[in-house]
Amino acid sequence: MKKLLAPAVGLLLGLAGCGAADEATVLVPEPQTAPEQAESEAATPQVGGKDVAFGETAGVTNEEGGKYAIAASALQDVTEFSEPPVEGKYVSTDVEASLISGTGGAVASVGFMLVDAAGNEYVSAAPNGENMDGVLFATLLSQGDSGSGKVYFDVPADATGLKLVFQPLTATEPLGSWS
């Protein structure tokens, strides 16, 4: 018993010597982000609404609840082609798409159309015939999957107020737009 008593007394005296502080100190931990969460946040594109300006990224939700970030550049005239335009001229936009969450699918040039100020619709075109090099066709099945490519349109040379609309073939209404 004496062997246990001596260490216990030593421990009590050691703790008593530490004493209490005059004022209570409350430690508030700084909010920290786990590395995985930081990487996920950095990898998640910043998206706007479903109707944004050219050059911005729209937040688009498909019929199955899949959420995409889709960006479209300003329209550019196309000067090189193998098939002459029927309407007047070709224009193109560079589109980048990524699946943020949910069930994905294909994001392809055929899901886009241009609408002019008068409400006329122009579906995607193929200025190089069967050569589809660089044309947008992305299959986005897993979160983080992304793809990019060009979308071409044949429009009247004097078309004004062109608005890009994303409405996949299975959608009953536009899912996103750029103007």
N, C-alpha and C. Protein backbone atom coordinates (compact mmCIF):
# COMPACT_ATOMS: atom_id res chain seq x y z
N MET A 1 0.82 -1.19 0.00
CA MET A 1 0.00 0.00 0.00
C MET A 1 0.86 1.25 0.00
N LYS A 2 2.00 1.21 0.74
CA LYS A 2 2.88 2.37 0.77
C LYS A 2 3.45 2.62 -0.62
N LYS A 3 3.65 1.53 -1.41
CA LYS A 3 4.21 1.70 -2.74
C LYS A 3 3.22 2.45 -3.65
N LEU A 4 1.93 2.26 -3.46
CA LEU A 4 0.94 2.95 -4.27
C LEU A 4 0.67 4.35 -3.76
N LEU A 5 0.82 4.57 -2.49
CA LEU A 5 0.51 5.85 -1.88
C LEU A 5 1.51 6.92 -2.31
N ALA A 6 2.76 6.61 -2.39
CA ALA A 6 3.78 7.61 -2.73
C ALA A 6 3.58 8.15 -4.15
N PRO A 7 3.39 7.31 -5.17
CA PRO A 7 3.17 7.87 -6.51
C PRO A 7 1.87 8.67 -6.60
N ALA A 8 0.83 8.23 -5.88
CA ALA A 8 -0.44 8.94 -5.92
C ALA A 8 -0.29 10.32 -5.32
N VAL A 9 0.44 10.44 -4.21
CA VAL A 9 0.67 11.74 -3.57
C VAL A 9 1.48 12.63 -4.50
N GLY A 10 2.49 12.06 -5.16
CA GLY A 10 3.32 12.82 -6.10
C GLY A 10 2.49 13.37 -7.26
N LEU A 11 1.60 12.54 -7.73
CA LEU A 11 0.74 12.97 -8.82
C LEU A 11 -0.17 14.11 -8.38
N LEU A 12 -0.75 14.00 -7.19
CA LEU A 12 -1.64 15.04 -6.68
C LEU A 12 -0.89 16.35 -6.47
N LEU A 13 0.32 16.28 -5.92
CA LEU A 13 1.11 17.50 -5.71
C LEU A 13 1.49 18.14 -7.05
N GLY A 14 1.80 17.30 -8.03
CA GLY A 14 2.16 17.82 -9.36
C GLY A 14 0.98 18.54 -10.01
N LEU A 15 -0.18 17.96 -9.87
CA LEU A 15 -1.37 18.58 -10.45
C LEU A 15 -1.76 19.84 -9.69
N ALA A 16 -1.60 19.85 -8.41
CA ALA A 16 -1.95 21.01 -7.60
C ALA A 16 -1.04 22.17 -7.93
N GLY A 17 0.21 21.89 -8.28
CA GLY A 17 1.17 22.93 -8.62
C GLY A 17 0.82 23.63 -9.92
N CYS A 18 0.09 22.97 -10.77
CA CYS A 18 -0.28 23.58 -12.05
C CYS A 18 -1.24 24.72 -11.82
N GLY A 19 -2.15 24.57 -10.89
CA GLY A 19 -3.11 25.61 -10.55
C GLY A 19 -4.03 25.95 -11.70
N ALA A 20 -5.01 26.78 -11.43
CA ALA A 20 -5.97 27.21 -12.43
C ALA A 20 -5.62 28.61 -12.88
N ALA A 21 -5.97 28.96 -14.09
CA ALA A 21 -5.71 30.30 -14.61
C ALA A 21 -6.67 31.27 -13.95
N ASP A 22 -6.26 32.57 -13.93
CA ASP A 22 -7.11 33.59 -13.34
C ASP A 22 -8.42 33.73 -14.12
N GLU A 23 -8.36 33.63 -15.45
CA GLU A 23 -9.56 33.72 -16.26
C GLU A 23 -9.71 32.44 -17.06
N ALA A 24 -10.93 32.08 -17.28
CA ALA A 24 -11.18 30.86 -18.07
C ALA A 24 -10.79 31.13 -19.52
N THR A 25 -10.12 30.19 -20.11
CA THR A 25 -9.73 30.30 -21.51
C THR A 25 -10.53 29.30 -22.31
N VAL A 26 -11.22 29.82 -23.31
CA VAL A 26 -12.01 28.96 -24.16
C VAL A 26 -11.31 28.89 -25.52
N LEU A 27 -10.97 27.70 -25.90
CA LEU A 27 -10.33 27.52 -27.20
C LEU A 27 -11.41 27.26 -28.23
N VAL A 28 -11.45 28.09 -29.25
CA VAL A 28 -12.40 27.92 -30.33
C VAL A 28 -11.61 27.45 -31.54
N PRO A 29 -11.87 26.24 -31.97
CA PRO A 29 -11.12 25.75 -33.12
C PRO A 29 -11.47 26.52 -34.38
N GLU A 30 -10.46 26.80 -35.18
CA GLU A 30 -10.66 27.44 -36.47
C GLU A 30 -11.35 26.44 -37.40
N PRO A 31 -12.35 26.89 -38.13
CA PRO A 31 -12.97 25.96 -39.07
C PRO A 31 -11.95 25.58 -40.14
N GLN A 32 -11.79 24.29 -40.31
CA GLN A 32 -10.84 23.80 -41.30
C GLN A 32 -11.57 22.89 -42.26
N THR A 33 -11.11 22.94 -43.47
CA THR A 33 -11.70 22.10 -44.51
C THR A 33 -10.81 20.89 -44.71
N ALA A 34 -11.41 19.74 -44.75
CA ALA A 34 -10.66 18.52 -45.02
C ALA A 34 -10.07 18.61 -46.42
N PRO A 35 -8.89 18.04 -46.63
CA PRO A 35 -8.28 18.11 -47.96
C PRO A 35 -9.18 17.57 -49.06
N GLU A 36 -9.92 16.51 -48.78
CA GLU A 36 -10.81 15.95 -49.79
C GLU A 36 -11.90 16.94 -50.16
N GLN A 37 -12.44 17.64 -49.15
CA GLN A 37 -13.50 18.61 -49.40
C GLN A 37 -12.94 19.78 -50.20
N ALA A 38 -11.73 20.22 -49.88
CA ALA A 38 -11.11 21.32 -50.61
C ALA A 38 -10.90 20.95 -52.07
N GLU A 39 -10.44 19.73 -52.32
CA GLU A 39 -10.23 19.28 -53.69
C GLU A 39 -11.56 19.22 -54.43
N SER A 40 -12.59 18.73 -53.76
CA SER A 40 -13.90 18.63 -54.39
C SER A 40 -14.45 20.00 -54.73
N GLU A 41 -14.29 20.97 -53.81
CA GLU A 41 -14.77 22.31 -54.06
C GLU A 41 -14.00 22.96 -55.19
N ALA A 42 -12.68 22.72 -55.25
CA ALA A 42 -11.87 23.29 -56.31
C ALA A 42 -12.24 22.69 -57.66
N ALA A 43 -12.63 21.42 -57.67
CA ALA A 43 -12.95 20.74 -58.92
C ALA A 43 -14.37 21.04 -59.39
N THR A 44 -15.23 21.54 -58.51
CA THR A 44 -16.61 21.83 -58.88
C THR A 44 -16.67 23.19 -59.56
N PRO A 45 -17.11 23.23 -60.81
CA PRO A 45 -17.18 24.51 -61.52
C PRO A 45 -18.20 25.44 -60.88
N GLN A 46 -17.91 26.72 -60.93
CA GLN A 46 -18.86 27.71 -60.46
C GLN A 46 -19.88 27.93 -61.57
N VAL A 47 -21.14 27.75 -61.26
CA VAL A 47 -22.17 27.86 -62.27
C VAL A 47 -23.15 28.97 -61.95
N GLY A 48 -23.72 29.53 -63.00
CA GLY A 48 -24.76 30.52 -62.85
C GLY A 48 -26.11 29.85 -62.95
N GLY A 49 -27.09 30.61 -63.33
CA GLY A 49 -28.42 30.05 -63.54
C GLY A 49 -28.46 29.26 -64.83
N LYS A 50 -29.64 28.94 -65.28
CA LYS A 50 -29.74 28.16 -66.52
C LYS A 50 -29.70 29.07 -67.74
N ASP A 51 -29.88 30.37 -67.58
CA ASP A 51 -29.81 31.33 -68.68
C ASP A 51 -28.72 32.34 -68.36
N VAL A 52 -27.61 32.27 -69.10
CA VAL A 52 -26.45 33.10 -68.81
C VAL A 52 -25.93 33.76 -70.09
N ALA A 53 -24.91 34.58 -69.95
CA ALA A 53 -24.29 35.24 -71.10
C ALA A 53 -23.28 34.29 -71.75
N PHE A 54 -23.01 34.53 -73.04
CA PHE A 54 -21.96 33.76 -73.70
C PHE A 54 -20.67 33.91 -72.90
N GLY A 55 -19.93 32.83 -72.77
CA GLY A 55 -18.68 32.84 -72.01
C GLY A 55 -18.86 32.44 -70.56
N GLU A 56 -20.09 32.44 -70.07
CA GLU A 56 -20.37 32.04 -68.69
C GLU A 56 -20.80 30.58 -68.64
N THR A 57 -20.81 30.04 -67.42
CA THR A 57 -21.17 28.64 -67.22
C THR A 57 -22.58 28.55 -66.66
N ALA A 58 -23.42 27.80 -67.35
CA ALA A 58 -24.81 27.61 -66.91
C ALA A 58 -24.91 26.35 -66.07
N GLY A 59 -25.77 26.37 -65.07
CA GLY A 59 -26.09 25.18 -64.30
C GLY A 59 -27.31 24.53 -64.93
N VAL A 60 -27.15 23.32 -65.42
CA VAL A 60 -28.21 22.65 -66.18
C VAL A 60 -28.57 21.34 -65.50
N THR A 61 -29.86 21.06 -65.37
CA THR A 61 -30.33 19.80 -64.78
C THR A 61 -31.12 19.04 -65.83
N ASN A 62 -30.75 17.77 -66.06
CA ASN A 62 -31.46 16.97 -67.06
C ASN A 62 -32.70 16.31 -66.46
N GLU A 63 -33.43 15.58 -67.29
CA GLU A 63 -34.69 14.96 -66.87
C GLU A 63 -34.51 13.94 -65.75
N GLU A 64 -33.32 13.33 -65.67
CA GLU A 64 -33.05 12.32 -64.63
C GLU A 64 -32.48 12.93 -63.36
N GLY A 65 -32.33 14.25 -63.32
CA GLY A 65 -31.80 14.92 -62.14
C GLY A 65 -30.30 15.13 -62.18
N GLY A 66 -29.65 14.75 -63.26
CA GLY A 66 -28.21 14.99 -63.40
C GLY A 66 -27.93 16.47 -63.51
N LYS A 67 -26.90 16.94 -62.80
CA LYS A 67 -26.55 18.36 -62.82
C LYS A 67 -25.25 18.55 -63.58
N TYR A 68 -25.29 19.45 -64.55
CA TYR A 68 -24.15 19.73 -65.41
C TYR A 68 -23.72 21.19 -65.26
N ALA A 69 -22.46 21.43 -65.54
CA ALA A 69 -21.94 22.78 -65.74
C ALA A 69 -21.58 22.84 -67.22
N ILE A 70 -22.22 23.75 -67.95
CA ILE A 70 -21.99 23.86 -69.38
C ILE A 70 -21.65 25.31 -69.71
N ALA A 71 -20.51 25.50 -70.37
CA ALA A 71 -20.08 26.83 -70.80
C ALA A 71 -20.05 26.87 -72.32
N ALA A 72 -20.43 28.01 -72.88
CA ALA A 72 -20.41 28.20 -74.33
C ALA A 72 -19.76 29.54 -74.65
N SER A 73 -18.79 29.51 -75.57
CA SER A 73 -18.10 30.74 -75.96
C SER A 73 -19.00 31.58 -76.87
N ALA A 74 -18.59 32.82 -77.08
CA ALA A 74 -19.31 33.68 -78.01
C ALA A 74 -19.28 33.06 -79.41
N LEU A 75 -20.29 33.35 -80.20
CA LEU A 75 -20.36 32.81 -81.56
C LEU A 75 -19.27 33.42 -82.43
N GLN A 76 -18.72 32.57 -83.30
CA GLN A 76 -17.67 33.00 -84.22
C GLN A 76 -18.05 32.57 -85.63
N ASP A 77 -17.76 33.43 -86.61
CA ASP A 77 -17.99 33.04 -88.00
C ASP A 77 -17.01 31.95 -88.39
N VAL A 78 -17.48 30.99 -89.18
CA VAL A 78 -16.65 29.89 -89.66
C VAL A 78 -16.32 30.18 -91.12
N THR A 79 -15.03 30.20 -91.43
CA THR A 79 -14.61 30.52 -92.80
C THR A 79 -14.11 29.31 -93.57
N GLU A 80 -13.80 28.22 -92.88
CA GLU A 80 -13.33 27.02 -93.55
C GLU A 80 -14.37 25.91 -93.41
N PHE A 81 -14.81 25.39 -94.55
CA PHE A 81 -15.81 24.33 -94.56
C PHE A 81 -15.75 23.63 -95.90
N SER A 82 -16.27 22.42 -95.95
CA SER A 82 -16.28 21.68 -97.21
C SER A 82 -17.66 21.65 -97.85
N GLU A 83 -18.68 21.90 -97.08
CA GLU A 83 -20.06 21.96 -97.58
C GLU A 83 -20.53 23.41 -97.46
N PRO A 84 -20.95 24.05 -98.54
CA PRO A 84 -21.38 25.45 -98.45
C PRO A 84 -22.65 25.59 -97.60
N PRO A 85 -22.77 26.71 -96.87
CA PRO A 85 -23.97 26.92 -96.06
C PRO A 85 -25.20 27.13 -96.94
N VAL A 86 -26.33 26.69 -96.45
CA VAL A 86 -27.59 26.83 -97.18
C VAL A 86 -28.25 28.16 -96.81
N GLU A 87 -28.23 28.49 -95.51
CA GLU A 87 -28.91 29.69 -95.01
C GLU A 87 -28.14 30.98 -95.29
N GLY A 88 -26.82 30.92 -95.30
CA GLY A 88 -26.05 32.14 -95.51
C GLY A 88 -24.62 32.07 -95.00
N LYS A 89 -24.44 31.63 -93.76
CA LYS A 89 -23.09 31.50 -93.19
C LYS A 89 -23.10 30.49 -92.06
N TYR A 90 -21.92 29.98 -91.75
CA TYR A 90 -21.77 29.10 -90.59
C TYR A 90 -21.22 29.92 -89.43
N VAL A 91 -21.72 29.63 -88.24
CA VAL A 91 -21.15 30.15 -87.00
C VAL A 91 -20.90 28.96 -86.09
N SER A 92 -19.98 29.15 -85.13
CA SER A 92 -19.69 28.06 -84.19
C SER A 92 -19.52 28.62 -82.79
N THR A 93 -19.63 27.73 -81.84
CA THR A 93 -19.35 28.04 -80.44
C THR A 93 -18.58 26.87 -79.86
N ASP A 94 -17.66 27.17 -78.95
CA ASP A 94 -16.92 26.13 -78.23
C ASP A 94 -17.68 25.84 -76.95
N VAL A 95 -18.02 24.58 -76.74
CA VAL A 95 -18.82 24.18 -75.58
C VAL A 95 -18.00 23.25 -74.70
N GLU A 96 -18.02 23.51 -73.39
CA GLU A 96 -17.40 22.63 -72.40
C GLU A 96 -18.49 22.20 -71.43
N ALA A 97 -18.54 20.90 -71.14
CA ALA A 97 -19.57 20.38 -70.24
C ALA A 97 -18.93 19.44 -69.24
N SER A 98 -19.43 19.47 -68.00
CA SER A 98 -18.99 18.50 -66.99
C SER A 98 -20.18 18.11 -66.13
N LEU A 99 -20.15 16.86 -65.69
CA LEU A 99 -21.21 16.34 -64.82
C LEU A 99 -20.83 16.65 -63.38
N ILE A 100 -21.67 17.41 -62.70
CA ILE A 100 -21.41 17.79 -61.31
C ILE A 100 -21.93 16.72 -60.36
N SER A 101 -23.14 16.22 -60.63
CA SER A 101 -23.72 15.19 -59.76
C SER A 101 -24.89 14.52 -60.47
N GLY A 102 -25.31 13.40 -59.91
CA GLY A 102 -26.49 12.71 -60.42
C GLY A 102 -26.21 11.83 -61.62
N THR A 103 -27.28 11.50 -62.32
CA THR A 103 -27.22 10.63 -63.48
C THR A 103 -26.89 11.44 -64.72
N GLY A 104 -25.82 11.05 -65.37
CA GLY A 104 -25.37 11.77 -66.56
C GLY A 104 -25.93 11.19 -67.83
N GLY A 105 -25.28 11.53 -68.90
CA GLY A 105 -25.68 11.07 -70.22
C GLY A 105 -24.85 11.79 -71.26
N ALA A 106 -25.34 11.87 -72.47
CA ALA A 106 -24.61 12.51 -73.56
C ALA A 106 -24.94 13.99 -73.63
N VAL A 107 -23.91 14.79 -73.86
CA VAL A 107 -24.07 16.19 -74.19
C VAL A 107 -23.47 16.31 -75.59
N ALA A 108 -24.32 16.54 -76.58
CA ALA A 108 -23.87 16.50 -77.97
C ALA A 108 -24.35 17.72 -78.74
N SER A 109 -23.70 17.97 -79.86
CA SER A 109 -24.04 19.14 -80.68
C SER A 109 -25.51 19.13 -81.11
N VAL A 110 -26.08 17.95 -81.30
CA VAL A 110 -27.49 17.88 -81.73
C VAL A 110 -28.46 18.35 -80.65
N GLY A 111 -27.99 18.54 -79.42
CA GLY A 111 -28.84 19.03 -78.35
C GLY A 111 -28.89 20.55 -78.28
N PHE A 112 -28.18 21.22 -79.18
CA PHE A 112 -28.14 22.69 -79.18
C PHE A 112 -28.82 23.24 -80.43
N MET A 113 -29.39 24.44 -80.29
CA MET A 113 -29.93 25.16 -81.44
C MET A 113 -29.72 26.65 -81.20
N LEU A 114 -29.76 27.40 -82.29
CA LEU A 114 -29.73 28.86 -82.19
C LEU A 114 -31.13 29.38 -82.48
N VAL A 115 -31.51 30.43 -81.77
CA VAL A 115 -32.80 31.08 -82.00
C VAL A 115 -32.49 32.55 -82.27
N ASP A 116 -33.02 33.08 -83.38
CA ASP A 116 -32.74 34.49 -83.70
C ASP A 116 -33.79 35.40 -83.07
N ALA A 117 -33.63 36.70 -83.28
CA ALA A 117 -34.52 37.69 -82.68
C ALA A 117 -35.97 37.50 -83.11
N ALA A 118 -36.20 36.94 -84.30
CA ALA A 118 -37.56 36.72 -84.80
C ALA A 118 -38.15 35.39 -84.33
N GLY A 119 -37.37 34.60 -83.58
CA GLY A 119 -37.86 33.32 -83.07
C GLY A 119 -37.58 32.14 -83.98
N ASN A 120 -36.86 32.36 -85.08
CA ASN A 120 -36.50 31.26 -85.98
C ASN A 120 -35.45 30.38 -85.32
N GLU A 121 -35.61 29.07 -85.46
CA GLU A 121 -34.69 28.12 -84.84
C GLU A 121 -33.77 27.51 -85.89
N TYR A 122 -32.49 27.36 -85.52
CA TYR A 122 -31.49 26.76 -86.40
C TYR A 122 -30.81 25.63 -85.64
N VAL A 123 -30.96 24.42 -86.16
CA VAL A 123 -30.37 23.24 -85.51
C VAL A 123 -28.89 23.17 -85.85
N SER A 124 -28.17 22.31 -85.14
CA SER A 124 -26.74 22.18 -85.39
C SER A 124 -26.49 21.71 -86.82
N ALA A 125 -25.37 22.14 -87.37
CA ALA A 125 -25.03 21.85 -88.77
C ALA A 125 -23.72 21.09 -88.84
N ALA A 126 -23.41 20.60 -90.03
CA ALA A 126 -22.16 19.86 -90.27
C ALA A 126 -21.45 20.50 -91.46
N PRO A 127 -20.67 21.56 -91.21
CA PRO A 127 -20.03 22.27 -92.32
C PRO A 127 -18.98 21.45 -93.06
N ASN A 128 -18.55 20.36 -92.47
CA ASN A 128 -17.54 19.52 -93.10
C ASN A 128 -18.09 18.15 -93.45
N GLY A 129 -19.38 18.10 -93.73
CA GLY A 129 -20.00 16.85 -94.15
C GLY A 129 -19.90 15.78 -93.08
N GLU A 130 -19.35 14.64 -93.45
CA GLU A 130 -19.26 13.51 -92.52
C GLU A 130 -18.07 13.61 -91.58
N ASN A 131 -17.17 14.55 -91.81
CA ASN A 131 -16.00 14.72 -90.94
C ASN A 131 -16.46 15.41 -89.65
N MET A 132 -16.48 14.68 -88.56
CA MET A 132 -16.98 15.22 -87.30
C MET A 132 -15.85 15.51 -86.31
N ASP A 133 -14.62 15.62 -86.79
CA ASP A 133 -13.49 15.92 -85.91
C ASP A 133 -13.74 17.22 -85.15
N GLY A 134 -13.60 17.17 -83.84
CA GLY A 134 -13.75 18.35 -83.01
C GLY A 134 -15.17 18.74 -82.67
N VAL A 135 -16.15 18.05 -83.23
CA VAL A 135 -17.55 18.36 -82.94
C VAL A 135 -17.91 17.79 -81.57
N LEU A 136 -18.70 18.54 -80.82
CA LEU A 136 -19.06 18.14 -79.46
C LEU A 136 -19.87 16.85 -79.44
N PHE A 137 -19.33 15.86 -78.76
CA PHE A 137 -20.09 14.67 -78.38
C PHE A 137 -19.41 14.12 -77.14
N ALA A 138 -20.00 14.39 -75.98
CA ALA A 138 -19.41 13.97 -74.71
C ALA A 138 -20.37 13.05 -73.98
N THR A 139 -19.86 11.91 -73.55
CA THR A 139 -20.65 11.00 -72.73
C THR A 139 -20.18 11.18 -71.30
N LEU A 140 -21.02 11.77 -70.48
CA LEU A 140 -20.67 12.11 -69.10
C LEU A 140 -21.47 11.21 -68.17
N LEU A 141 -20.82 10.17 -67.66
CA LEU A 141 -21.53 9.19 -66.85
C LEU A 141 -21.19 9.25 -65.38
N SER A 142 -20.00 9.72 -65.03
CA SER A 142 -19.56 9.77 -63.63
C SER A 142 -19.30 11.21 -63.22
N GLN A 143 -19.53 11.49 -61.94
CA GLN A 143 -19.28 12.83 -61.43
C GLN A 143 -17.85 13.23 -61.77
N GLY A 144 -17.69 14.41 -62.32
CA GLY A 144 -16.37 14.90 -62.71
C GLY A 144 -16.03 14.65 -64.17
N ASP A 145 -16.78 13.76 -64.85
CA ASP A 145 -16.55 13.54 -66.28
C ASP A 145 -16.78 14.86 -67.02
N SER A 146 -15.95 15.12 -68.02
CA SER A 146 -16.12 16.34 -68.80
C SER A 146 -15.76 16.10 -70.25
N GLY A 147 -16.21 16.99 -71.08
CA GLY A 147 -15.92 16.91 -72.51
C GLY A 147 -16.12 18.27 -73.14
N SER A 148 -15.56 18.44 -74.32
CA SER A 148 -15.70 19.71 -75.01
C SER A 148 -15.64 19.50 -76.51
N GLY A 149 -16.09 20.49 -77.24
CA GLY A 149 -16.06 20.44 -78.69
C GLY A 149 -16.82 21.61 -79.28
N LYS A 150 -16.81 21.67 -80.58
CA LYS A 150 -17.49 22.76 -81.29
C LYS A 150 -18.91 22.35 -81.67
N VAL A 151 -19.77 23.36 -81.73
CA VAL A 151 -21.12 23.18 -82.25
C VAL A 151 -21.28 24.21 -83.37
N TYR A 152 -21.69 23.73 -84.54
CA TYR A 152 -21.82 24.57 -85.73
C TYR A 152 -23.29 24.80 -86.07
N PHE A 153 -23.56 25.97 -86.67
CA PHE A 153 -24.91 26.31 -87.11
C PHE A 153 -24.84 27.00 -88.47
N ASP A 154 -25.84 26.78 -89.28
CA ASP A 154 -26.00 27.44 -90.57
C ASP A 154 -27.12 28.46 -90.37
N VAL A 155 -26.78 29.76 -90.43
CA VAL A 155 -27.74 30.82 -90.15
C VAL A 155 -27.72 31.85 -91.29
N PRO A 156 -28.78 32.66 -91.41
CA PRO A 156 -28.75 33.73 -92.41
C PRO A 156 -27.59 34.69 -92.11
N ALA A 157 -27.00 35.24 -93.16
CA ALA A 157 -25.85 36.14 -93.00
C ALA A 157 -26.21 37.36 -92.17
N ASP A 158 -27.48 37.78 -92.19
CA ASP A 158 -27.89 38.97 -91.45
C ASP A 158 -28.65 38.66 -90.16
N ALA A 159 -28.53 37.44 -89.66
CA ALA A 159 -29.25 37.05 -88.43
C ALA A 159 -28.80 37.91 -87.26
N THR A 160 -29.77 38.33 -86.45
CA THR A 160 -29.46 39.15 -85.27
C THR A 160 -30.08 38.53 -84.03
N GLY A 161 -29.56 38.95 -82.87
CA GLY A 161 -30.12 38.51 -81.60
C GLY A 161 -30.02 37.02 -81.37
N LEU A 162 -28.95 36.40 -81.85
CA LEU A 162 -28.83 34.94 -81.74
C LEU A 162 -28.64 34.50 -80.29
N LYS A 163 -29.44 33.52 -79.91
CA LYS A 163 -29.40 32.95 -78.56
C LYS A 163 -29.16 31.45 -78.71
N LEU A 164 -28.16 30.93 -77.99
CA LEU A 164 -27.87 29.50 -78.00
C LEU A 164 -28.74 28.81 -76.96
N VAL A 165 -29.40 27.74 -77.36
CA VAL A 165 -30.31 27.01 -76.46
C VAL A 165 -29.87 25.56 -76.39
N PHE A 166 -29.82 25.01 -75.16
CA PHE A 166 -29.53 23.59 -74.97
C PHE A 166 -30.83 22.89 -74.64
N GLN A 167 -31.27 22.05 -75.56
CA GLN A 167 -32.49 21.26 -75.38
C GLN A 167 -32.25 19.89 -76.02
N PRO A 168 -31.75 18.94 -75.22
CA PRO A 168 -31.51 17.60 -75.77
C PRO A 168 -32.78 17.03 -76.40
N LEU A 169 -32.59 16.08 -77.28
CA LEU A 169 -33.72 15.50 -78.02
C LEU A 169 -34.81 14.95 -77.12
N THR A 170 -34.46 14.49 -75.92
CA THR A 170 -35.45 13.91 -75.01
C THR A 170 -36.12 14.94 -74.11
N ALA A 171 -35.63 16.18 -74.11
CA ALA A 171 -36.19 17.21 -73.24
C ALA A 171 -37.39 17.88 -73.89
N THR A 172 -38.36 18.23 -73.08
CA THR A 172 -39.57 18.88 -73.60
C THR A 172 -39.48 20.40 -73.58
N GLU A 173 -38.43 20.92 -72.96
CA GLU A 173 -38.23 22.37 -72.90
C GLU A 173 -36.73 22.64 -72.79
N PRO A 174 -36.30 23.87 -73.09
CA PRO A 174 -34.88 24.20 -72.99
C PRO A 174 -34.37 24.03 -71.55
N LEU A 175 -33.15 23.49 -71.44
CA LEU A 175 -32.55 23.29 -70.13
C LEU A 175 -31.56 24.39 -69.78
N GLY A 176 -31.09 25.12 -70.78
CA GLY A 176 -30.14 26.19 -70.55
C GLY A 176 -30.01 27.04 -71.80
N SER A 177 -29.51 28.29 -71.62
CA SER A 177 -29.32 29.16 -72.78
C SER A 177 -28.22 30.18 -72.52
N TRP A 178 -27.67 30.69 -73.62
CA TRP A 178 -26.60 31.69 -73.60
C TRP A 178 -26.96 32.77 -74.61
N SER A 179 -26.80 34.03 -74.20
CA SER A 179 -27.07 35.13 -75.14
C SER A 179 -26.14 36.29 -74.85
